[in-house]
Amino acid sequence: MKLPDKLYNVLKWICLIALPALAVFYFTLAKIWGLPYEAEIPATINAVAVLIGALIGISQITINKEGEINETK
C-alpha cells in the first residue's frame, strides 16, 4: 500500500501532533470540568493515532522496498 505524498504528510501530522494533543486537551479539561469518560475518550483517540501510525509505517516500508528493488535493477 503506497499513499500519495500529500496524504502521507497530512496523516503523519494528524498522528504525531493533532491526535495526541487532542487526547491531552480532553483529558485535562475532563479533570477540571468533570466531563464524562475522562479516560475512555483519550484512550480511544490514542488508539486511532496508533492505527494511523501503523498504516503510514506500512506505506513507508512499501516505498523503501520499492526503492531497493529499483536500485538493484
Protein backbone atom coordinates (compact mmCIF):
# COMPACT_ATOMS: atom_id res chain seq x y z
CA MET A 1 0.00 0.00 0.00
CA LYS A 2 1.54 3.28 -1.10
CA LEU A 3 -0.03 6.55 -0.01
CA PRO A 4 0.26 9.72 -2.08
CA ASP A 5 2.80 12.16 -0.59
CA LYS A 6 0.24 14.79 0.38
CA LEU A 7 -2.00 12.26 2.16
CA TYR A 8 1.05 10.73 3.87
CA ASN A 9 2.14 14.13 5.20
CA VAL A 10 -1.35 15.01 6.44
CA LEU A 11 -1.79 11.66 8.19
CA LYS A 12 1.66 11.93 9.73
CA TRP A 13 0.83 15.38 11.14
CA ILE A 14 -2.51 14.13 12.46
CA CYS A 15 -0.88 11.08 14.02
CA LEU A 16 2.14 12.78 15.58
CA ILE A 17 0.73 16.15 16.61
CA ALA A 18 -3.02 16.64 16.35
CA LEU A 19 -4.43 13.48 17.93
CA PRO A 20 -2.04 13.28 20.91
CA ALA A 21 -2.64 16.98 21.60
CA LEU A 22 -6.40 16.46 21.41
CA ALA A 23 -6.20 13.50 23.82
CA VAL A 24 -4.23 15.51 26.39
CA PHE A 25 -6.52 18.50 25.93
CA TYR A 26 -9.66 16.44 26.57
CA PHE A 27 -8.10 14.59 29.50
CA THR A 28 -7.10 17.88 31.14
CA LEU A 29 -10.48 19.51 30.62
CA ALA A 30 -12.28 16.38 31.82
CA LYS A 31 -10.36 16.55 35.09
CA ILE A 32 -11.04 20.26 35.55
CA TRP A 33 -14.68 20.36 34.45
CA GLY A 34 -15.78 16.85 35.34
CA LEU A 35 -16.51 15.85 31.75
CA PRO A 36 -17.64 12.27 31.12
CA TYR A 37 -15.39 9.40 30.06
CA GLU A 38 -12.18 11.14 31.11
CA ALA A 39 -10.06 8.04 30.45
CA GLU A 40 -12.02 6.37 27.67
CA ILE A 41 -12.06 9.23 25.16
CA PRO A 42 -8.31 9.98 25.33
CA ALA A 43 -7.54 6.24 25.14
CA THR A 44 -9.72 5.96 22.03
CA ILE A 45 -8.06 8.99 20.42
CA ASN A 46 -4.63 7.49 21.14
CA ALA A 47 -5.73 4.14 19.69
CA VAL A 48 -6.73 5.91 16.46
CA ALA A 49 -3.33 7.66 16.41
CA VAL A 50 -1.55 4.30 16.75
CA LEU A 51 -3.65 2.83 13.94
CA ILE A 52 -2.83 5.74 11.63
CA GLY A 53 0.84 5.44 12.61
CA ALA A 54 0.82 1.76 11.69
CA LEU A 55 -0.78 2.48 8.32
CA ILE A 56 1.70 5.18 7.40
CA GLY A 57 4.52 2.95 8.65
CA ILE A 58 3.38 0.21 6.27
CA SER A 59 3.27 2.77 3.48
CA GLN A 60 6.83 3.88 4.26
CA ILE A 61 8.09 0.27 4.30
CA THR A 62 6.45 -0.29 0.91
CA ILE A 63 8.12 2.81 -0.52
CA ASN A 64 11.51 1.76 0.89
CA LYS A 65 11.21 -1.76 -0.57
CA GLU A 66 10.25 -0.36 -3.97
CA GLY A 67 13.28 1.92 -3.85
CA GLU A 68 15.58 -1.02 -3.05
CA ILE A 69 14.12 -3.06 -5.93
CA ASN A 70 14.61 -0.16 -8.36
CA GLU A 71 18.19 0.41 -7.18
CA THR A 72 19.17 -3.20 -7.83
CA LYS A 73 17.86 -3.15 -11.43
